[in-house]
């Protein structure tokens, strides 16, 4: 079982993440940020991950620390669950539409953190959620999962749709990259012999 549990406690947030990469797409979420929970539910369902996130943060200030730290903790859990990456496909990509919106995600389990994020949200707020925090979530994830991720919103007029297509595409790309490759069982997917 490719699973992990990570607890991260700071003066700003207290977070616990449990992750099963070979799950059924179930999510159990308690963050105090409803829109983020909606996005994490997409990540679990379309990535076929079982995901539990419990987070308490300084939401009386704003959601920034909580969103960023959930990204960090999820990235740490993902790095632990995938392990040395032996036998996985390594690369994943997906395009996902939602009505007028279309996003693309490309993932490489490179062992090197890198985020290319090209998203121009049509509104600064999605309901009460600050759209700037989407970048903070993905930056935290990438830095701590040690992966390269390219995220592009190719079109969209509705900020909710733009964001949802990003998370769904990311989920599908992660799922593809993390899948066992039956033709490369046990092999590290790199000519260097390590990732």
N, C-alpha and C. Protein backbone atom coordinates (compact mmCIF):
# COMPACT_ATOMS: atom_id res chain seq x y z
N UNK A 1 0.84 -1.19 0.00
CA UNK A 1 0.00 0.00 0.00
C UNK A 1 0.87 1.24 0.00
N UNK A 2 0.61 2.13 -0.94
CA UNK A 2 1.36 3.39 -1.01
C UNK A 2 0.57 4.44 -0.23
N UNK A 3 0.87 4.49 1.05
CA UNK A 3 0.13 5.37 1.95
C UNK A 3 1.09 6.24 2.75
N UNK A 4 0.57 7.30 3.32
CA UNK A 4 1.37 8.16 4.19
C UNK A 4 0.44 8.96 5.08
N UNK A 5 0.96 9.31 6.24
CA UNK A 5 0.29 10.25 7.13
C UNK A 5 1.33 11.27 7.59
N UNK A 6 0.97 12.53 7.47
CA UNK A 6 1.88 13.62 7.85
C UNK A 6 1.12 14.58 8.76
N UNK A 7 1.77 14.97 9.84
CA UNK A 7 1.23 15.99 10.75
C UNK A 7 2.19 17.16 10.73
N UNK A 8 1.63 18.35 10.56
CA UNK A 8 2.43 19.57 10.54
C UNK A 8 1.79 20.57 11.49
N UNK A 9 2.54 20.99 12.49
CA UNK A 9 2.04 21.96 13.46
C UNK A 9 2.95 23.17 13.50
N UNK A 10 2.37 24.34 13.31
CA UNK A 10 3.10 25.60 13.45
C UNK A 10 2.27 26.53 14.33
N UNK A 11 2.76 27.73 14.56
CA UNK A 11 1.99 28.70 15.32
C UNK A 11 0.78 29.20 14.54
N UNK A 12 0.78 28.94 13.21
CA UNK A 12 -0.31 29.42 12.35
C UNK A 12 -1.33 28.34 12.01
N UNK A 13 -0.86 27.09 11.90
CA UNK A 13 -1.75 26.01 11.48
C UNK A 13 -1.41 24.69 12.17
N UNK A 14 -2.43 23.84 12.28
CA UNK A 14 -2.25 22.46 12.73
C UNK A 14 -2.95 21.59 11.69
N UNK A 15 -2.16 20.74 11.02
CA UNK A 15 -2.67 19.99 9.87
C UNK A 15 -2.27 18.54 9.96
N UNK A 16 -3.23 17.68 9.62
CA UNK A 16 -2.97 16.24 9.47
C UNK A 16 -3.51 15.80 8.12
N UNK A 17 -2.66 15.12 7.36
CA UNK A 17 -3.04 14.58 6.05
C UNK A 17 -2.79 13.09 6.04
N UNK A 18 -3.77 12.33 5.62
CA UNK A 18 -3.62 10.89 5.36
C UNK A 18 -3.93 10.66 3.90
N UNK A 19 -3.09 9.85 3.24
CA UNK A 19 -3.17 9.69 1.80
C UNK A 19 -2.95 8.23 1.42
N UNK A 20 -3.78 7.73 0.53
CA UNK A 20 -3.59 6.41 -0.08
C UNK A 20 -3.62 6.62 -1.59
N UNK A 21 -2.47 6.43 -2.23
CA UNK A 21 -2.38 6.64 -3.67
C UNK A 21 -3.19 5.64 -4.46
N UNK A 22 -3.47 4.49 -3.88
CA UNK A 22 -4.20 3.43 -4.58
C UNK A 22 -5.61 3.30 -4.03
N UNK A 23 -6.24 4.42 -3.81
CA UNK A 23 -7.55 4.44 -3.18
C UNK A 23 -8.69 4.35 -4.18
N UNK A 24 -9.86 4.74 -3.70
CA UNK A 24 -11.10 4.68 -4.48
C UNK A 24 -11.64 6.07 -4.79
N UNK A 25 -10.93 7.11 -4.39
CA UNK A 25 -11.40 8.47 -4.64
C UNK A 25 -12.20 9.06 -3.51
N UNK A 26 -12.05 8.51 -2.31
CA UNK A 26 -12.81 9.00 -1.15
C UNK A 26 -12.09 10.16 -0.48
N UNK A 27 -12.87 11.13 -0.01
CA UNK A 27 -12.30 12.29 0.67
C UNK A 27 -13.03 12.54 1.98
N UNK A 28 -12.26 12.82 3.01
CA UNK A 28 -12.80 13.24 4.31
C UNK A 28 -12.05 14.51 4.67
N UNK A 29 -12.75 15.63 4.64
CA UNK A 29 -12.08 16.93 4.68
C UNK A 29 -12.70 17.83 5.75
N UNK A 30 -11.83 18.48 6.51
CA UNK A 30 -12.27 19.46 7.50
C UNK A 30 -11.19 20.54 7.59
N UNK A 31 -11.40 21.63 6.85
CA UNK A 31 -10.39 22.68 6.77
C UNK A 31 -10.89 24.05 7.21
N UNK A 32 -12.19 24.22 7.28
CA UNK A 32 -12.75 25.53 7.55
C UNK A 32 -12.83 26.41 6.31
N UNK A 33 -12.46 25.84 5.14
CA UNK A 33 -12.46 26.60 3.88
C UNK A 33 -13.27 25.79 2.87
N UNK A 34 -14.57 26.05 2.76
CA UNK A 34 -15.43 25.21 1.92
C UNK A 34 -14.99 25.08 0.46
N UNK A 35 -14.57 26.17 -0.16
CA UNK A 35 -14.18 26.07 -1.57
C UNK A 35 -12.94 25.20 -1.74
N UNK A 36 -11.97 25.32 -0.83
CA UNK A 36 -10.79 24.46 -0.91
C UNK A 36 -11.19 23.00 -0.75
N UNK A 37 -12.12 22.72 0.14
CA UNK A 37 -12.59 21.35 0.31
C UNK A 37 -13.23 20.83 -0.97
N UNK A 38 -13.96 21.67 -1.67
CA UNK A 38 -14.55 21.30 -2.96
C UNK A 38 -13.44 20.92 -3.95
N UNK A 39 -12.35 21.68 -3.96
CA UNK A 39 -11.24 21.39 -4.88
C UNK A 39 -10.49 20.12 -4.45
N UNK A 40 -10.28 19.94 -3.16
CA UNK A 40 -9.61 18.72 -2.69
C UNK A 40 -10.45 17.48 -2.95
N UNK A 41 -11.77 17.64 -2.91
CA UNK A 41 -12.64 16.52 -3.26
C UNK A 41 -12.46 16.14 -4.73
N UNK A 42 -12.28 17.13 -5.60
CA UNK A 42 -12.00 16.85 -7.01
C UNK A 42 -10.67 16.11 -7.15
N UNK A 43 -9.68 16.56 -6.38
CA UNK A 43 -8.36 15.93 -6.42
C UNK A 43 -8.45 14.46 -6.04
N UNK A 44 -9.18 14.16 -4.98
CA UNK A 44 -9.32 12.78 -4.54
C UNK A 44 -10.08 11.95 -5.57
N UNK A 45 -11.23 12.45 -6.01
CA UNK A 45 -12.08 11.68 -6.91
C UNK A 45 -11.40 11.41 -8.25
N UNK A 46 -10.84 12.43 -8.86
CA UNK A 46 -10.28 12.27 -10.20
C UNK A 46 -8.86 11.73 -10.18
N UNK A 47 -8.20 11.83 -9.03
CA UNK A 47 -6.88 11.22 -8.89
C UNK A 47 -6.95 9.81 -8.34
N UNK A 48 -8.17 9.35 -7.99
CA UNK A 48 -8.38 8.04 -7.37
C UNK A 48 -7.50 7.87 -6.14
N UNK A 49 -7.46 8.94 -5.33
CA UNK A 49 -6.74 8.95 -4.06
C UNK A 49 -7.76 8.86 -2.94
N UNK A 50 -7.42 8.18 -1.88
CA UNK A 50 -8.17 8.33 -0.64
C UNK A 50 -7.45 9.41 0.17
N UNK A 51 -8.17 10.44 0.52
CA UNK A 51 -7.54 11.62 1.11
C UNK A 51 -8.30 12.08 2.34
N UNK A 52 -7.58 12.24 3.44
CA UNK A 52 -8.14 12.85 4.64
C UNK A 52 -7.29 14.08 4.97
N UNK A 53 -7.98 15.20 5.19
CA UNK A 53 -7.29 16.43 5.59
C UNK A 53 -8.05 17.04 6.76
N UNK A 54 -7.37 17.20 7.88
CA UNK A 54 -7.89 17.94 9.02
C UNK A 54 -6.98 19.14 9.22
N UNK A 55 -7.55 20.33 9.19
CA UNK A 55 -6.73 21.53 9.32
C UNK A 55 -7.43 22.56 10.19
N UNK A 56 -6.66 23.15 11.09
CA UNK A 56 -7.11 24.30 11.87
C UNK A 56 -6.05 25.37 11.67
N UNK A 57 -6.52 26.53 11.24
CA UNK A 57 -5.58 27.60 10.97
C UNK A 57 -6.09 28.95 11.44
N UNK A 58 -5.27 29.95 11.23
CA UNK A 58 -5.60 31.32 11.67
C UNK A 58 -6.52 32.00 10.65
N UNK A 59 -7.71 31.40 10.48
CA UNK A 59 -8.67 31.92 9.51
C UNK A 59 -9.23 33.27 9.91
N UNK A 60 -9.04 33.67 11.18
CA UNK A 60 -9.47 35.00 11.59
C UNK A 60 -8.61 36.08 10.91
N UNK A 61 -7.42 35.69 10.45
CA UNK A 61 -6.58 36.62 9.67
C UNK A 61 -7.01 36.54 8.22
N UNK A 62 -6.77 35.40 7.60
CA UNK A 62 -7.30 35.05 6.28
C UNK A 62 -6.94 33.59 6.03
N UNK A 63 -7.20 33.09 4.84
CA UNK A 63 -7.01 31.67 4.55
C UNK A 63 -5.61 31.34 4.04
N UNK A 64 -4.75 32.34 3.89
CA UNK A 64 -3.46 32.13 3.24
C UNK A 64 -2.63 31.03 3.88
N UNK A 65 -2.36 31.14 5.18
CA UNK A 65 -1.49 30.17 5.84
C UNK A 65 -2.07 28.76 5.77
N UNK A 66 -3.38 28.66 5.95
CA UNK A 66 -4.02 27.34 5.95
C UNK A 66 -3.93 26.69 4.58
N UNK A 67 -4.24 27.43 3.53
CA UNK A 67 -4.19 26.87 2.17
C UNK A 67 -2.76 26.48 1.81
N UNK A 68 -1.81 27.36 2.05
CA UNK A 68 -0.41 27.06 1.73
C UNK A 68 0.10 25.85 2.51
N UNK A 69 -0.22 25.79 3.79
CA UNK A 69 0.28 24.71 4.63
C UNK A 69 -0.39 23.37 4.30
N UNK A 70 -1.63 23.41 3.84
CA UNK A 70 -2.24 22.17 3.35
C UNK A 70 -1.51 21.69 2.11
N UNK A 71 -1.16 22.60 1.21
CA UNK A 71 -0.37 22.23 0.04
C UNK A 71 0.96 21.61 0.43
N UNK A 72 1.63 22.22 1.40
CA UNK A 72 2.92 21.71 1.88
C UNK A 72 2.76 20.31 2.47
N UNK A 73 1.78 20.14 3.34
CA UNK A 73 1.59 18.86 4.03
C UNK A 73 1.17 17.77 3.06
N UNK A 74 0.29 18.10 2.12
CA UNK A 74 -0.11 17.13 1.10
C UNK A 74 1.09 16.75 0.23
N UNK A 75 1.94 17.71 -0.10
CA UNK A 75 3.15 17.41 -0.87
C UNK A 75 4.07 16.46 -0.12
N UNK A 76 4.24 16.69 1.18
CA UNK A 76 5.06 15.80 2.00
C UNK A 76 4.48 14.39 2.03
N UNK A 77 3.16 14.29 2.19
CA UNK A 77 2.51 12.98 2.21
C UNK A 77 2.67 12.29 0.86
N UNK A 78 2.53 13.03 -0.19
CA UNK A 78 2.66 12.44 -1.52
C UNK A 78 4.07 11.90 -1.74
N UNK A 79 5.09 12.68 -1.34
CA UNK A 79 6.47 12.23 -1.50
C UNK A 79 6.72 10.94 -0.72
N UNK A 80 6.17 10.84 0.48
CA UNK A 80 6.35 9.62 1.27
C UNK A 80 5.62 8.44 0.64
N UNK A 81 4.40 8.68 0.18
CA UNK A 81 3.59 7.58 -0.35
C UNK A 81 4.17 7.01 -1.64
N UNK A 82 4.71 7.86 -2.49
CA UNK A 82 5.24 7.38 -3.78
C UNK A 82 6.62 6.76 -3.63
N UNK A 83 7.32 7.11 -2.54
CA UNK A 83 8.60 6.47 -2.23
C UNK A 83 9.69 6.77 -3.25
N UNK A 84 10.44 5.74 -3.63
CA UNK A 84 11.58 5.97 -4.55
C UNK A 84 11.15 6.03 -6.01
N UNK A 85 9.86 5.89 -6.27
CA UNK A 85 9.25 6.02 -7.60
C UNK A 85 9.55 4.85 -8.52
N UNK A 86 10.11 3.77 -7.96
CA UNK A 86 10.39 2.59 -8.78
C UNK A 86 9.09 2.03 -9.35
N UNK A 87 9.09 1.78 -10.64
CA UNK A 87 7.97 1.14 -11.30
C UNK A 87 6.80 2.03 -11.66
N UNK A 88 6.89 3.35 -11.41
CA UNK A 88 5.79 4.24 -11.79
C UNK A 88 6.04 4.82 -13.18
N UNK A 89 5.00 5.37 -13.76
CA UNK A 89 5.12 5.94 -15.11
C UNK A 89 5.97 7.22 -15.12
N UNK A 90 6.01 7.94 -14.04
CA UNK A 90 6.76 9.18 -13.82
C UNK A 90 6.10 10.41 -14.43
N UNK A 91 5.68 10.35 -15.68
CA UNK A 91 5.08 11.50 -16.35
C UNK A 91 3.57 11.33 -16.44
N UNK A 92 2.86 12.44 -16.32
CA UNK A 92 1.42 12.42 -16.50
C UNK A 92 0.95 13.73 -17.07
N UNK A 93 -0.14 13.68 -17.82
CA UNK A 93 -0.70 14.90 -18.39
C UNK A 93 -2.20 14.73 -18.55
N UNK A 94 -2.92 15.84 -18.55
CA UNK A 94 -4.37 15.80 -18.73
C UNK A 94 -4.88 17.16 -19.17
N UNK A 95 -5.87 17.12 -20.01
CA UNK A 95 -6.70 18.29 -20.34
C UNK A 95 -8.08 18.03 -19.75
N UNK A 96 -8.65 19.03 -19.10
CA UNK A 96 -10.00 18.88 -18.55
C UNK A 96 -10.82 20.13 -18.86
N UNK A 97 -12.01 19.94 -19.47
CA UNK A 97 -12.93 21.04 -19.70
C UNK A 97 -14.01 21.09 -18.63
N UNK A 98 -14.59 22.23 -18.45
CA UNK A 98 -15.83 22.41 -17.68
C UNK A 98 -16.56 23.57 -18.32
N UNK A 99 -17.57 23.26 -19.08
CA UNK A 99 -18.30 24.26 -19.86
C UNK A 99 -17.30 25.05 -20.72
N UNK A 100 -17.18 26.35 -20.48
CA UNK A 100 -16.32 27.19 -21.33
C UNK A 100 -14.84 27.14 -20.94
N UNK A 101 -14.53 26.56 -19.80
CA UNK A 101 -13.15 26.56 -19.28
C UNK A 101 -12.41 25.30 -19.70
N UNK A 102 -11.12 25.45 -19.91
CA UNK A 102 -10.25 24.32 -20.29
C UNK A 102 -8.89 24.53 -19.65
N UNK A 103 -8.40 23.51 -18.96
CA UNK A 103 -7.07 23.58 -18.34
C UNK A 103 -6.26 22.35 -18.68
N UNK A 104 -4.94 22.54 -18.62
CA UNK A 104 -3.98 21.46 -18.88
C UNK A 104 -3.04 21.36 -17.70
N UNK A 105 -2.73 20.13 -17.30
CA UNK A 105 -1.73 19.87 -16.25
C UNK A 105 -0.75 18.83 -16.76
N UNK A 106 0.52 19.07 -16.50
CA UNK A 106 1.58 18.13 -16.85
C UNK A 106 2.45 17.95 -15.60
N UNK A 107 2.71 16.69 -15.24
CA UNK A 107 3.43 16.35 -14.01
C UNK A 107 4.62 15.47 -14.35
N UNK A 108 5.74 15.74 -13.68
CA UNK A 108 6.94 14.92 -13.78
C UNK A 108 7.45 14.66 -12.36
N UNK A 109 7.52 13.40 -11.98
CA UNK A 109 8.11 13.03 -10.69
C UNK A 109 9.62 13.13 -10.79
N UNK A 110 10.10 14.31 -11.03
CA UNK A 110 11.49 14.57 -11.37
C UNK A 110 12.44 14.52 -10.18
N UNK A 111 11.91 14.70 -8.98
CA UNK A 111 12.77 14.89 -7.82
C UNK A 111 13.24 16.33 -7.69
N UNK A 112 12.77 17.19 -8.60
CA UNK A 112 13.14 18.61 -8.58
C UNK A 112 11.86 19.44 -8.52
N UNK A 113 11.73 20.30 -7.53
CA UNK A 113 10.53 21.13 -7.47
C UNK A 113 10.55 22.22 -8.52
N UNK A 114 9.48 22.30 -9.28
CA UNK A 114 9.34 23.36 -10.28
C UNK A 114 7.88 23.55 -10.62
N UNK A 115 7.42 24.78 -10.57
CA UNK A 115 6.04 25.09 -10.90
C UNK A 115 6.00 26.14 -12.00
N UNK A 116 5.38 25.80 -13.12
CA UNK A 116 5.03 26.77 -14.15
C UNK A 116 3.52 26.93 -14.08
N UNK A 117 3.09 28.11 -13.70
CA UNK A 117 1.68 28.37 -13.39
C UNK A 117 1.21 29.53 -14.26
N UNK A 118 0.34 29.22 -15.20
CA UNK A 118 -0.14 30.24 -16.13
C UNK A 118 -1.66 30.29 -16.08
N UNK A 119 -2.15 31.07 -15.14
CA UNK A 119 -3.58 31.16 -14.87
C UNK A 119 -3.93 32.62 -14.63
N UNK A 120 -4.84 33.13 -15.43
CA UNK A 120 -5.33 34.50 -15.24
C UNK A 120 -6.81 34.40 -14.89
N UNK A 121 -7.09 34.36 -13.59
CA UNK A 121 -8.48 34.24 -13.16
C UNK A 121 -9.27 35.48 -13.56
N UNK A 122 -10.52 35.27 -13.94
CA UNK A 122 -11.38 36.37 -14.37
C UNK A 122 -11.86 37.23 -13.20
N UNK A 123 -11.81 36.64 -11.99
CA UNK A 123 -12.18 37.38 -10.78
C UNK A 123 -11.16 37.11 -9.69
N UNK A 124 -11.00 38.06 -8.79
CA UNK A 124 -10.06 37.89 -7.68
C UNK A 124 -10.62 36.97 -6.61
N UNK A 125 -11.94 36.89 -6.51
CA UNK A 125 -12.58 36.04 -5.51
C UNK A 125 -13.46 35.01 -6.20
N UNK A 126 -13.39 33.78 -5.67
CA UNK A 126 -14.31 32.73 -6.10
C UNK A 126 -15.21 32.50 -4.90
N UNK A 127 -16.39 33.11 -4.93
CA UNK A 127 -17.19 33.20 -3.71
C UNK A 127 -16.43 34.06 -2.72
N UNK A 128 -16.04 33.46 -1.59
CA UNK A 128 -15.21 34.18 -0.60
C UNK A 128 -13.76 33.74 -0.63
N UNK A 129 -13.40 32.88 -1.59
CA UNK A 129 -12.05 32.33 -1.66
C UNK A 129 -11.16 33.19 -2.54
N UNK A 130 -10.01 33.60 -2.03
CA UNK A 130 -9.05 34.42 -2.75
C UNK A 130 -8.36 33.58 -3.82
N UNK A 131 -8.57 33.92 -5.08
CA UNK A 131 -8.01 33.13 -6.19
C UNK A 131 -6.48 33.08 -6.17
N UNK A 132 -5.82 34.06 -5.57
CA UNK A 132 -4.36 34.04 -5.45
C UNK A 132 -3.87 32.83 -4.67
N UNK A 133 -4.71 32.29 -3.80
CA UNK A 133 -4.29 31.18 -2.95
C UNK A 133 -4.16 29.87 -3.71
N UNK A 134 -4.73 29.79 -4.91
CA UNK A 134 -4.57 28.59 -5.74
C UNK A 134 -3.09 28.39 -6.05
N UNK A 135 -2.41 29.47 -6.43
CA UNK A 135 -0.98 29.39 -6.69
C UNK A 135 -0.22 28.97 -5.44
N UNK A 136 -0.59 29.52 -4.29
CA UNK A 136 0.12 29.19 -3.04
C UNK A 136 -0.03 27.71 -2.70
N UNK A 137 -1.21 27.15 -2.93
CA UNK A 137 -1.43 25.72 -2.70
C UNK A 137 -0.49 24.89 -3.57
N UNK A 138 -0.49 25.18 -4.87
CA UNK A 138 0.33 24.37 -5.78
C UNK A 138 1.83 24.57 -5.54
N UNK A 139 2.24 25.80 -5.19
CA UNK A 139 3.66 26.03 -4.90
C UNK A 139 4.09 25.23 -3.68
N UNK A 140 3.26 25.22 -2.64
CA UNK A 140 3.57 24.41 -1.46
C UNK A 140 3.65 22.94 -1.79
N UNK A 141 2.71 22.45 -2.59
CA UNK A 141 2.72 21.04 -2.97
C UNK A 141 3.99 20.68 -3.74
N UNK A 142 4.28 21.45 -4.77
CA UNK A 142 5.43 21.18 -5.63
C UNK A 142 6.73 21.18 -4.84
N UNK A 143 6.92 22.17 -3.99
CA UNK A 143 8.16 22.28 -3.23
C UNK A 143 8.41 21.07 -2.33
N UNK A 144 7.34 20.51 -1.79
CA UNK A 144 7.50 19.44 -0.80
C UNK A 144 7.29 18.04 -1.37
N UNK A 145 6.60 17.94 -2.51
CA UNK A 145 6.49 16.64 -3.18
C UNK A 145 7.71 16.40 -4.08
N UNK A 146 8.48 17.46 -4.33
CA UNK A 146 9.66 17.37 -5.20
C UNK A 146 9.27 16.90 -6.61
N UNK A 147 8.28 17.61 -7.18
CA UNK A 147 7.81 17.30 -8.52
C UNK A 147 7.84 18.56 -9.37
N UNK A 148 7.85 18.36 -10.68
CA UNK A 148 7.70 19.46 -11.62
C UNK A 148 6.26 19.44 -12.12
N UNK A 149 5.61 20.60 -12.08
CA UNK A 149 4.22 20.70 -12.51
C UNK A 149 4.06 21.93 -13.40
N UNK A 150 3.42 21.73 -14.54
CA UNK A 150 3.02 22.83 -15.42
C UNK A 150 1.50 22.89 -15.40
N UNK A 151 0.95 24.04 -15.05
CA UNK A 151 -0.50 24.25 -15.02
C UNK A 151 -0.85 25.43 -15.92
N UNK A 152 -1.74 25.18 -16.84
CA UNK A 152 -2.17 26.22 -17.78
C UNK A 152 -3.69 26.23 -17.87
N UNK A 153 -4.29 27.39 -17.59
CA UNK A 153 -5.70 27.56 -17.91
C UNK A 153 -5.74 28.14 -19.31
N UNK A 154 -6.22 27.36 -20.25
CA UNK A 154 -6.17 27.74 -21.66
C UNK A 154 -7.30 28.68 -22.05
N UNK A 155 -8.45 28.55 -21.34
CA UNK A 155 -9.55 29.47 -21.56
C UNK A 155 -10.54 29.34 -20.42
N UNK A 156 -11.37 30.34 -20.29
CA UNK A 156 -12.41 30.31 -19.25
C UNK A 156 -12.87 31.70 -18.90
N UNK A 157 -14.17 31.83 -18.66
CA UNK A 157 -14.76 33.10 -18.27
C UNK A 157 -15.26 33.09 -16.84
N UNK A 158 -15.43 31.91 -16.27
CA UNK A 158 -15.95 31.75 -14.93
C UNK A 158 -14.82 31.26 -14.03
N UNK A 159 -14.48 32.03 -13.01
CA UNK A 159 -13.32 31.70 -12.17
C UNK A 159 -13.49 30.36 -11.45
N UNK A 160 -14.71 30.04 -11.04
CA UNK A 160 -14.95 28.73 -10.43
C UNK A 160 -14.62 27.62 -11.41
N UNK A 161 -15.09 27.75 -12.64
CA UNK A 161 -14.80 26.75 -13.66
C UNK A 161 -13.30 26.67 -13.95
N UNK A 162 -12.65 27.82 -14.03
CA UNK A 162 -11.20 27.83 -14.28
C UNK A 162 -10.48 27.02 -13.21
N UNK A 163 -10.81 27.29 -11.96
CA UNK A 163 -10.13 26.64 -10.85
C UNK A 163 -10.45 25.15 -10.82
N UNK A 164 -11.69 24.80 -11.03
CA UNK A 164 -12.07 23.39 -10.96
C UNK A 164 -11.39 22.58 -12.06
N UNK A 165 -11.27 23.16 -13.26
CA UNK A 165 -10.57 22.43 -14.32
C UNK A 165 -9.09 22.25 -13.99
N UNK A 166 -8.49 23.22 -13.31
CA UNK A 166 -7.09 23.07 -12.88
C UNK A 166 -6.92 21.88 -11.94
N UNK A 167 -7.76 21.82 -10.93
CA UNK A 167 -7.64 20.74 -9.94
C UNK A 167 -7.96 19.38 -10.54
N UNK A 168 -8.95 19.32 -11.41
CA UNK A 168 -9.28 18.05 -12.04
C UNK A 168 -8.17 17.59 -12.97
N UNK A 169 -7.62 18.51 -13.75
CA UNK A 169 -6.52 18.15 -14.65
C UNK A 169 -5.30 17.72 -13.85
N UNK A 170 -5.01 18.44 -12.77
CA UNK A 170 -3.89 18.07 -11.91
C UNK A 170 -4.09 16.68 -11.32
N UNK A 171 -5.30 16.39 -10.89
CA UNK A 171 -5.61 15.07 -10.33
C UNK A 171 -5.37 13.97 -11.36
N UNK A 172 -5.86 14.18 -12.57
CA UNK A 172 -5.70 13.16 -13.61
C UNK A 172 -4.23 12.98 -13.99
N UNK A 173 -3.48 14.07 -14.04
CA UNK A 173 -2.06 13.98 -14.38
C UNK A 173 -1.29 13.27 -13.27
N UNK A 174 -1.60 13.59 -12.01
CA UNK A 174 -0.96 12.90 -10.88
C UNK A 174 -1.26 11.40 -10.93
N UNK A 175 -2.51 11.07 -11.19
CA UNK A 175 -2.91 9.66 -11.26
C UNK A 175 -2.11 8.93 -12.33
N UNK A 176 -1.98 9.54 -13.49
CA UNK A 176 -1.23 8.91 -14.58
C UNK A 176 0.24 8.73 -14.20
N UNK A 177 0.84 9.77 -13.64
CA UNK A 177 2.27 9.71 -13.30
C UNK A 177 2.56 8.69 -12.20
N UNK A 178 1.62 8.53 -11.27
CA UNK A 178 1.83 7.63 -10.12
C UNK A 178 1.46 6.19 -10.41
N UNK A 179 0.80 5.95 -11.53
CA UNK A 179 0.37 4.59 -11.85
C UNK A 179 1.56 3.66 -12.04
N UNK A 180 1.46 2.44 -11.55
CA UNK A 180 2.50 1.45 -11.84
C UNK A 180 2.56 1.17 -13.35
N UNK A 181 3.77 1.07 -13.86
CA UNK A 181 3.99 0.76 -15.27
C UNK A 181 4.37 -0.72 -15.36
N UNK A 182 3.48 -1.57 -15.86
CA UNK A 182 3.77 -3.01 -15.87
C UNK A 182 4.99 -3.38 -16.72
N UNK A 183 5.38 -2.54 -17.64
CA UNK A 183 6.55 -2.83 -18.47
C UNK A 183 7.85 -2.42 -17.80
N UNK A 184 7.74 -1.70 -16.69
CA UNK A 184 8.94 -1.21 -16.00
C UNK A 184 8.90 -1.56 -14.52
N UNK A 185 8.34 -2.70 -14.21
CA UNK A 185 8.16 -3.09 -12.81
C UNK A 185 9.48 -3.04 -12.04
N UNK A 186 9.49 -2.26 -10.98
CA UNK A 186 10.67 -2.16 -10.12
C UNK A 186 11.78 -1.26 -10.61
N UNK A 187 11.67 -0.76 -11.83
CA UNK A 187 12.74 0.06 -12.40
C UNK A 187 12.49 1.53 -12.09
N UNK A 188 13.56 2.25 -11.78
CA UNK A 188 13.47 3.71 -11.59
C UNK A 188 13.34 4.34 -12.97
N UNK A 189 12.32 5.17 -13.22
CA UNK A 189 12.11 5.73 -14.55
C UNK A 189 13.04 6.90 -14.86
N UNK A 190 14.34 6.62 -14.85
CA UNK A 190 15.35 7.63 -15.17
C UNK A 190 16.63 6.94 -15.57
N UNK A 191 17.32 7.51 -16.55
CA UNK A 191 18.63 6.95 -16.94
C UNK A 191 19.69 7.18 -15.87
N UNK A 192 19.40 8.09 -14.92
CA UNK A 192 20.35 8.35 -13.82
C UNK A 192 20.29 7.27 -12.76
N UNK A 193 19.18 6.51 -12.75
CA UNK A 193 19.02 5.47 -11.74
C UNK A 193 18.42 5.94 -10.44
N UNK A 194 18.09 7.23 -10.36
CA UNK A 194 17.46 7.79 -9.17
C UNK A 194 16.64 9.00 -9.53
N UNK A 195 15.62 9.26 -8.74
CA UNK A 195 14.81 10.47 -8.92
C UNK A 195 14.65 11.13 -7.57
